[in-house]
Amino acid sequence: MSKILDLAVEDEVIDFCANELCGKEIRFGQPVTKIGHELVCSGKCLVEKIGAVTIIAGRESGDHGTQRG
């Protein structure tokens, strides 16, 4: 394959990030994370897609790490 053809393939958009809040282009050869048959473009998008939240361990589950007043 010629270098010119290689560049064309590497720039090809093959999908879009499955995180609805992102939707960025996913290009051929880009490192991504696969969830079932969907692709997400970053760790941040993976966390958002699966609905994970950051909490403080030991707090009530509905508290989500906020300080009590």
N, C-alpha and C. Protein backbone atom coordinates (compact mmCIF):
# COMPACT_ATOMS: atom_id res chain seq x y z
N MET A 1 0.85 -1.18 0.00
CA MET A 1 0.00 0.00 0.00
C MET A 1 0.89 1.24 0.00
N SER A 2 0.53 2.21 -0.80
CA SER A 2 1.35 3.42 -0.87
C SER A 2 1.12 4.29 0.36
N LYS A 3 2.07 5.18 0.61
CA LYS A 3 1.95 6.08 1.77
C LYS A 3 0.73 6.98 1.64
N ILE A 4 0.40 7.40 0.42
CA ILE A 4 -0.76 8.26 0.22
C ILE A 4 -2.04 7.51 0.57
N LEU A 5 -2.15 6.26 0.14
CA LEU A 5 -3.32 5.45 0.45
C LEU A 5 -3.40 5.16 1.94
N ASP A 6 -2.24 4.92 2.59
CA ASP A 6 -2.21 4.71 4.04
C ASP A 6 -2.79 5.91 4.78
N LEU A 7 -2.44 7.11 4.38
CA LEU A 7 -2.94 8.32 5.03
C LEU A 7 -4.45 8.45 4.85
N ALA A 8 -4.96 8.06 3.69
CA ALA A 8 -6.40 8.15 3.44
C ALA A 8 -7.16 7.18 4.35
N VAL A 9 -6.65 5.98 4.55
CA VAL A 9 -7.30 4.99 5.40
C VAL A 9 -7.26 5.43 6.85
N GLU A 10 -6.13 5.96 7.32
CA GLU A 10 -5.98 6.39 8.70
C GLU A 10 -6.92 7.55 9.04
N ASP A 11 -7.31 8.34 8.05
CA ASP A 11 -8.17 9.49 8.29
C ASP A 11 -9.65 9.14 8.15
N GLU A 12 -9.96 7.89 7.82
CA GLU A 12 -11.34 7.47 7.58
C GLU A 12 -12.15 7.40 8.88
N VAL A 13 -13.31 8.05 8.90
CA VAL A 13 -14.22 7.98 10.05
C VAL A 13 -14.98 6.67 9.93
N ILE A 14 -14.88 5.82 10.98
CA ILE A 14 -15.56 4.53 10.91
C ILE A 14 -16.76 4.44 11.85
N ASP A 15 -16.89 5.36 12.79
CA ASP A 15 -18.00 5.33 13.74
C ASP A 15 -18.01 6.65 14.51
N PHE A 16 -18.95 6.76 15.44
CA PHE A 16 -19.04 7.92 16.31
C PHE A 16 -19.13 7.42 17.75
N CYS A 17 -18.61 8.19 18.69
CA CYS A 17 -18.62 7.81 20.10
C CYS A 17 -20.06 7.51 20.55
N ALA A 18 -20.24 6.38 21.24
CA ALA A 18 -21.56 5.95 21.69
C ALA A 18 -22.08 6.76 22.87
N ASN A 19 -21.23 7.57 23.49
CA ASN A 19 -21.69 8.47 24.55
C ASN A 19 -22.48 9.59 23.88
N GLU A 20 -23.78 9.64 24.14
CA GLU A 20 -24.65 10.60 23.49
C GLU A 20 -24.24 12.05 23.76
N LEU A 21 -23.58 12.30 24.89
CA LEU A 21 -23.14 13.65 25.21
C LEU A 21 -21.90 14.06 24.42
N CYS A 22 -21.22 13.08 23.80
CA CYS A 22 -19.99 13.35 23.07
C CYS A 22 -20.23 13.27 21.56
N GLY A 23 -20.38 12.05 21.05
CA GLY A 23 -20.64 11.85 19.63
C GLY A 23 -19.48 12.16 18.71
N LYS A 24 -18.24 12.27 19.23
CA LYS A 24 -17.09 12.60 18.38
C LYS A 24 -16.83 11.49 17.36
N GLU A 25 -16.18 11.88 16.28
CA GLU A 25 -15.80 10.92 15.25
C GLU A 25 -14.77 9.94 15.79
N ILE A 26 -14.91 8.67 15.41
CA ILE A 26 -13.91 7.66 15.72
C ILE A 26 -13.28 7.28 14.39
N ARG A 27 -11.96 7.42 14.32
CA ARG A 27 -11.23 7.20 13.08
C ARG A 27 -10.52 5.85 13.07
N PHE A 28 -10.28 5.34 11.88
CA PHE A 28 -9.58 4.08 11.69
C PHE A 28 -8.25 4.09 12.46
N GLY A 29 -7.99 3.07 13.26
CA GLY A 29 -6.74 2.93 13.99
C GLY A 29 -6.71 3.63 15.34
N GLN A 30 -7.76 4.37 15.69
CA GLN A 30 -7.81 5.11 16.96
C GLN A 30 -8.05 4.13 18.11
N PRO A 31 -7.32 4.25 19.21
CA PRO A 31 -7.61 3.41 20.39
C PRO A 31 -8.97 3.82 20.99
N VAL A 32 -9.84 2.85 21.20
CA VAL A 32 -11.17 3.09 21.75
C VAL A 32 -11.51 1.98 22.73
N THR A 33 -12.64 2.12 23.43
CA THR A 33 -13.15 1.07 24.30
C THR A 33 -14.45 0.58 23.70
N LYS A 34 -14.62 -0.75 23.69
CA LYS A 34 -15.82 -1.35 23.11
C LYS A 34 -16.74 -1.81 24.24
N ILE A 35 -18.02 -1.42 24.15
CA ILE A 35 -19.05 -1.85 25.10
C ILE A 35 -20.10 -2.57 24.28
N GLY A 36 -20.13 -3.90 24.37
CA GLY A 36 -21.02 -4.66 23.48
C GLY A 36 -20.59 -4.44 22.05
N HIS A 37 -21.45 -3.84 21.23
CA HIS A 37 -21.09 -3.54 19.84
C HIS A 37 -20.80 -2.05 19.63
N GLU A 38 -20.83 -1.26 20.71
CA GLU A 38 -20.62 0.17 20.61
C GLU A 38 -19.19 0.56 20.99
N LEU A 39 -18.71 1.69 20.45
CA LEU A 39 -17.38 2.20 20.74
C LEU A 39 -17.48 3.55 21.45
N VAL A 40 -16.62 3.77 22.44
CA VAL A 40 -16.50 5.08 23.08
C VAL A 40 -15.06 5.55 22.91
N CYS A 41 -14.90 6.88 22.80
CA CYS A 41 -13.60 7.43 22.41
C CYS A 41 -12.62 7.65 23.56
N SER A 42 -13.11 7.64 24.82
CA SER A 42 -12.20 7.94 25.93
C SER A 42 -12.70 7.31 27.23
N GLY A 43 -11.85 7.33 28.24
CA GLY A 43 -12.24 6.83 29.55
C GLY A 43 -13.37 7.64 30.14
N LYS A 44 -13.33 8.95 29.94
CA LYS A 44 -14.40 9.82 30.44
C LYS A 44 -15.73 9.44 29.82
N CYS A 45 -15.73 9.20 28.52
CA CYS A 45 -16.97 8.81 27.83
C CYS A 45 -17.44 7.44 28.29
N LEU A 46 -16.52 6.54 28.58
CA LEU A 46 -16.88 5.21 29.10
C LEU A 46 -17.61 5.34 30.43
N VAL A 47 -17.04 6.13 31.34
CA VAL A 47 -17.64 6.34 32.66
C VAL A 47 -19.03 6.95 32.52
N GLU A 48 -19.18 7.96 31.67
CA GLU A 48 -20.48 8.59 31.47
C GLU A 48 -21.48 7.62 30.84
N LYS A 49 -21.03 6.83 29.87
CA LYS A 49 -21.90 5.89 29.16
C LYS A 49 -22.47 4.84 30.10
N ILE A 50 -21.65 4.33 31.02
CA ILE A 50 -22.15 3.27 31.91
C ILE A 50 -22.84 3.85 33.14
N GLY A 51 -22.83 5.18 33.28
CA GLY A 51 -23.55 5.82 34.38
C GLY A 51 -22.83 5.78 35.71
N ALA A 52 -21.52 5.59 35.70
CA ALA A 52 -20.76 5.55 36.94
C ALA A 52 -20.63 6.96 37.52
N VAL A 53 -20.55 7.04 38.85
CA VAL A 53 -20.36 8.31 39.54
C VAL A 53 -19.24 8.15 40.56
N THR A 54 -18.60 9.23 40.89
CA THR A 54 -17.56 9.23 41.91
C THR A 54 -18.21 9.57 43.25
N ILE A 55 -17.93 8.75 44.26
CA ILE A 55 -18.47 8.99 45.60
C ILE A 55 -17.36 8.91 46.62
N ILE A 56 -17.66 9.26 47.83
CA ILE A 56 -16.73 9.07 48.94
C ILE A 56 -17.14 7.80 49.65
N ALA A 57 -16.23 6.85 49.75
CA ALA A 57 -16.53 5.56 50.37
C ALA A 57 -17.05 5.75 51.78
N GLY A 58 -18.10 5.00 52.12
CA GLY A 58 -18.67 5.06 53.44
C GLY A 58 -19.85 5.99 53.57
N ARG A 59 -20.07 6.83 52.58
CA ARG A 59 -21.23 7.72 52.59
C ARG A 59 -22.45 6.95 52.11
N GLU A 60 -23.63 7.44 52.40
CA GLU A 60 -24.85 6.80 51.94
C GLU A 60 -24.87 6.78 50.41
N SER A 61 -25.46 5.74 49.84
CA SER A 61 -25.42 5.57 48.39
C SER A 61 -26.09 6.71 47.63
N GLY A 62 -27.10 7.34 48.18
CA GLY A 62 -27.77 8.44 47.48
C GLY A 62 -27.05 9.76 47.63
N ASP A 63 -26.01 9.81 48.47
CA ASP A 63 -25.31 11.05 48.79
C ASP A 63 -24.36 11.49 47.68
N HIS A 64 -23.79 10.54 46.95
CA HIS A 64 -22.85 10.80 45.85
C HIS A 64 -21.69 11.72 46.24
N GLY A 65 -21.26 11.62 47.49
CA GLY A 65 -20.06 12.32 47.91
C GLY A 65 -20.26 13.76 48.33
N THR A 66 -21.47 14.24 48.36
CA THR A 66 -21.67 15.63 48.78
C THR A 66 -21.56 15.73 50.29
N GLN A 67 -21.15 16.88 50.76
CA GLN A 67 -21.00 17.09 52.20
C GLN A 67 -22.36 17.32 52.83
N ARG A 68 -22.50 16.83 54.02
CA ARG A 68 -23.75 17.02 54.76
C ARG A 68 -23.69 18.34 55.51
N GLY A 69 -24.82 19.04 55.54
CA GLY A 69 -24.86 20.35 56.16
C GLY A 69 -25.27 20.39 57.56
